[in-house]
Amino acid sequence: MNKLWVRMQHQGPQRLKEKREKERNELRDLVGKNLLVLSQLEGVDLELYQKTVLPWVLEQVVNCKDEIAQTYLMDAVVQVMRRDQKRVCDQKIVPRAT
């Protein structure tokens, strides 16, 4: 979904830009809701989150190569995480950023 969201930014004729932006915003909301559901799934304990979920989500953020999408995705990831997940995320992201 994230790749579709990024592609929608540049496709189509200029006259349909407003419609495309509306659709893109709707898709952005859907991506955010999916991240929220992912963070709240039963059975996703801290170990599974740390070893599988977070690395996959971060890979998607890096691979999209769209600065606006990356910013939104990181904001959404941080907003939807539980406290224990945030500690794991901080440990994974902060060392890379410095």
Protein backbone atom coordinates (compact mmCIF):
# COMPACT_ATOMS: atom_id res chain seq x y z
CA MET A 1 0.00 0.00 0.00
CA ASN A 2 2.82 2.38 0.79
CA LYS A 3 4.30 1.95 -2.70
CA LEU A 4 0.92 2.71 -4.24
CA TRP A 5 0.66 5.80 -2.05
CA VAL A 6 4.05 7.06 -3.27
CA ARG A 7 3.29 6.29 -6.93
CA MET A 8 -0.04 8.10 -6.83
CA GLN A 9 1.78 11.35 -6.12
CA HIS A 10 3.26 11.59 -9.62
CA GLN A 11 0.90 9.68 -11.90
CA GLY A 12 -1.89 10.99 -14.06
CA PRO A 13 -2.70 14.24 -15.79
CA GLN A 14 -2.38 17.55 -13.97
CA ARG A 15 -6.11 18.26 -14.22
CA LEU A 16 -6.84 15.26 -11.98
CA LYS A 17 -4.32 16.28 -9.33
CA GLU A 18 -6.94 17.29 -6.75
CA LYS A 19 -8.80 13.99 -7.09
CA ARG A 20 -5.50 12.08 -6.93
CA GLU A 21 -4.46 13.96 -3.77
CA LYS A 22 -7.81 13.12 -2.14
CA GLU A 23 -7.33 9.43 -2.99
CA ARG A 24 -3.74 9.59 -1.78
CA ASN A 25 -4.86 11.04 1.57
CA GLU A 26 -7.45 8.28 1.93
CA LEU A 27 -4.78 5.68 1.23
CA ARG A 28 -2.44 7.38 3.72
CA ASP A 29 -5.16 7.06 6.37
CA LEU A 30 -5.58 3.39 5.50
CA VAL A 31 -1.82 2.79 5.85
CA GLY A 32 -1.90 4.48 9.26
CA LYS A 33 -4.89 2.40 10.38
CA ASN A 34 -3.11 -0.77 9.27
CA LEU A 35 -0.09 0.19 11.36
CA LEU A 36 -2.40 0.74 14.33
CA VAL A 37 -4.04 -2.67 13.89
CA LEU A 38 -0.62 -4.29 13.51
CA SER A 39 0.54 -2.80 16.81
CA GLN A 40 -2.57 -4.07 18.60
CA LEU A 41 -2.75 -7.62 17.28
CA GLU A 42 -3.08 -10.27 19.93
CA GLY A 43 -0.19 -12.69 19.79
CA VAL A 44 2.30 -10.05 18.74
CA ASP A 45 4.47 -10.08 21.83
CA LEU A 46 7.52 -7.92 22.32
CA GLU A 47 9.91 -10.54 20.93
CA LEU A 48 7.92 -11.03 17.72
CA TYR A 49 7.59 -7.26 17.37
CA GLN A 50 11.33 -6.75 17.84
CA LYS A 51 12.49 -9.58 15.57
CA THR A 52 9.89 -9.49 12.80
CA VAL A 53 7.40 -6.65 12.76
CA LEU A 54 9.61 -3.62 13.43
CA PRO A 55 12.42 -4.63 11.03
CA TRP A 56 9.87 -5.22 8.26
CA VAL A 57 8.14 -1.87 8.87
CA LEU A 58 11.45 0.00 8.97
CA GLU A 59 12.52 -1.71 5.74
CA GLN A 60 9.34 -0.45 4.07
CA VAL A 61 10.04 3.07 5.29
CA VAL A 62 13.59 3.06 3.95
CA ASN A 63 12.71 1.41 0.64
CA CYS A 64 9.95 3.85 -0.28
CA LYS A 65 12.56 6.60 -0.94
CA ASP A 66 9.91 9.31 -0.71
CA GLU A 67 10.73 11.86 1.97
CA ILE A 68 7.12 12.83 2.67
CA ALA A 69 6.03 9.19 2.92
CA GLN A 70 9.00 8.33 5.13
CA THR A 71 8.20 11.18 7.51
CA TYR A 72 4.54 10.21 7.69
CA LEU A 73 5.30 6.53 8.19
CA MET A 74 7.77 7.16 11.00
CA ASP A 75 5.30 9.51 12.70
CA ALA A 76 2.54 6.91 12.35
CA VAL A 77 4.75 4.10 13.64
CA VAL A 78 5.71 6.08 16.74
CA GLN A 79 2.13 7.19 17.42
CA VAL A 80 0.57 3.71 17.26
CA MET A 81 3.17 1.78 19.26
CA ARG A 82 2.69 0.62 22.81
CA ARG A 83 5.26 1.76 25.39
CA ASP A 84 7.19 -1.50 25.37
CA GLN A 85 7.33 -1.36 21.58
CA LYS A 86 8.60 2.22 21.70
CA ARG A 87 11.56 1.20 23.84
CA VAL A 88 12.49 -1.45 21.29
CA CYS A 89 12.05 1.04 18.44
CA ASP A 90 14.22 3.62 20.21
CA GLN A 91 16.98 1.04 20.61
CA LYS A 92 16.83 0.13 16.92
CA ILE A 93 16.49 3.61 15.40
CA VAL A 94 18.52 5.97 17.57
CA PRO A 95 21.89 4.23 17.07
CA ARG A 96 21.36 4.37 13.28
CA ALA A 97 20.52 8.05 13.32
CA THR A 98 23.72 9.09 15.08
